[in-house]
């Protein structure tokens, strides 16, 4: 797996598993009691598959609980956030499709770590 990059964040970490012109795949790990910023993307949509742990996904203001094996689609432009309400690590696979996959395509509306 030559070029795997793990990026640590205040809420946990992500590892880029594959990056192609048409898609990007990440493994995201969210520590217990943490959550990502409430955000949207202008140039991509995402599909999240829960691998381990419990998740609460907020999608355009509505909360959805997900367990391992369950998934959700995050449309381009939709406000979204994932949080880990459990006591163990939350692991999910994120598949991005769109025109651009850079980390700068994030518009944050709320953030627990002061990154707005």
Protein backbone atom coordinates (compact mmCIF):
# COMPACT_ATOMS: atom_id res chain seq x y z
CA UNK A 1 0.00 0.00 0.00
CA UNK A 2 2.76 2.41 -0.92
CA UNK A 3 1.40 5.90 -0.49
CA UNK A 4 -1.12 5.72 2.39
CA UNK A 5 -1.39 8.99 4.30
CA UNK A 6 -2.88 9.25 7.81
CA UNK A 7 -3.94 12.76 8.80
CA UNK A 8 -4.64 13.46 12.49
CA UNK A 9 -7.41 15.90 13.43
CA UNK A 10 -8.80 17.10 16.79
CA UNK A 11 -11.69 14.60 16.51
CA UNK A 12 -9.61 11.60 15.37
CA UNK A 13 -7.95 10.83 12.04
CA UNK A 14 -8.46 9.88 8.42
CA UNK A 15 -6.45 7.75 6.03
CA UNK A 16 -6.65 8.20 2.25
CA UNK A 17 -7.02 4.68 0.85
CA UNK A 18 -7.33 5.61 -2.82
CA UNK A 19 -7.33 8.82 -4.85
CA UNK A 20 -8.24 8.88 -8.54
CA UNK A 21 -9.45 11.63 -10.91
CA UNK A 22 -13.04 10.37 -10.50
CA UNK A 23 -13.16 9.48 -6.79
CA UNK A 24 -11.41 9.41 -3.41
CA UNK A 25 -11.76 6.81 -0.65
CA UNK A 26 -10.95 7.48 3.03
CA UNK A 27 -11.09 5.52 6.28
CA UNK A 28 -12.23 7.93 9.00
CA UNK A 29 -11.83 7.23 12.73
CA UNK A 30 -13.78 9.39 15.21
CA UNK A 31 -12.83 9.21 18.89
CA UNK A 32 -15.57 8.63 21.52
CA UNK A 33 -17.62 11.75 22.25
CA UNK A 34 -16.15 13.69 19.31
CA UNK A 35 -17.70 15.04 16.11
CA UNK A 36 -16.61 16.63 12.86
CA UNK A 37 -17.59 20.17 11.92
CA UNK A 38 -21.05 20.91 10.51
CA UNK A 39 -20.06 21.53 6.92
CA UNK A 40 -20.84 21.26 3.23
CA UNK A 41 -18.91 20.70 0.01
CA UNK A 42 -19.49 22.55 -3.27
CA UNK A 43 -17.67 20.15 -5.60
CA UNK A 44 -18.35 16.62 -4.33
CA UNK A 45 -20.86 14.24 -2.80
CA UNK A 46 -20.01 11.54 -0.27
CA UNK A 47 -21.20 8.06 0.67
CA UNK A 48 -20.47 6.90 4.22
CA UNK A 49 -20.44 3.24 5.31
CA UNK A 50 -20.15 2.54 9.05
CA UNK A 51 -17.58 -0.20 9.72
CA UNK A 52 -17.34 -0.17 13.55
CA UNK A 53 -18.99 1.73 16.37
CA UNK A 54 -22.12 3.86 16.46
CA UNK A 55 -22.69 7.09 14.53
CA UNK A 56 -25.10 9.97 14.60
CA UNK A 57 -25.20 11.69 11.23
CA UNK A 58 -26.74 15.15 10.97
CA UNK A 59 -27.86 15.76 7.40
CA UNK A 60 -29.50 19.12 6.64
CA UNK A 61 -30.62 19.43 10.27
CA UNK A 62 -32.00 15.89 10.72
CA UNK A 63 -30.23 13.30 12.92
CA UNK A 64 -29.90 9.69 11.78
CA UNK A 65 -28.40 6.90 13.94
CA UNK A 66 -26.25 4.37 12.07
CA UNK A 67 -24.71 1.04 13.10
CA UNK A 68 -22.02 -1.09 11.44
CA UNK A 69 -23.04 -2.14 7.92
CA UNK A 70 -25.39 0.81 7.46
CA UNK A 71 -24.68 3.69 5.09
CA UNK A 72 -25.89 7.14 4.09
CA UNK A 73 -25.51 9.41 1.06
CA UNK A 74 -24.39 13.01 1.58
CA UNK A 75 -25.41 15.01 -1.52
CA UNK A 76 -23.23 17.79 -2.89
CA UNK A 77 -24.11 21.03 -1.07
CA UNK A 78 -25.90 19.29 1.84
CA UNK A 79 -25.02 20.35 5.38
CA UNK A 80 -23.63 17.37 7.25
CA UNK A 81 -21.76 16.19 10.32
CA UNK A 82 -20.92 12.83 11.88
CA UNK A 83 -20.48 12.28 15.59
CA UNK A 84 -19.50 9.37 17.82
CA UNK A 85 -21.91 9.04 20.77
CA UNK A 86 -20.38 5.75 21.92
CA UNK A 87 -17.56 4.68 24.22
CA UNK A 88 -15.51 2.99 21.46
CA UNK A 89 -13.90 4.20 18.25
CA UNK A 90 -16.22 4.98 15.30
CA UNK A 91 -14.77 3.83 11.97
CA UNK A 92 -16.34 4.59 8.60
CA UNK A 93 -15.40 4.43 4.94
CA UNK A 94 -16.06 7.59 2.94
CA UNK A 95 -16.35 7.45 -0.84
CA UNK A 96 -16.22 10.84 -2.56
CA UNK A 97 -17.42 11.51 -6.13
CA UNK A 98 -17.32 14.84 -7.93
CA UNK A 99 -15.12 17.35 -9.67
CA UNK A 100 -12.64 18.08 -6.86
CA UNK A 101 -11.55 16.30 -3.67
CA UNK A 102 -9.26 18.78 -1.91
CA UNK A 103 -9.56 19.40 1.83
CA UNK A 104 -10.12 23.10 1.03
CA UNK A 105 -13.60 22.29 -0.39
CA UNK A 106 -15.06 22.54 3.12
CA UNK A 107 -17.44 25.30 4.19
CA UNK A 108 -17.79 25.03 7.98
CA UNK A 109 -20.89 26.39 9.72
CA UNK A 110 -20.10 25.06 13.22
CA UNK A 111 -16.93 23.60 14.66
CA UNK A 112 -16.08 22.37 18.16
CA UNK A 113 -12.39 23.14 17.63
CA UNK A 114 -12.45 26.79 16.46
CA UNK A 115 -11.71 26.08 12.78
CA UNK A 116 -14.26 28.48 11.26
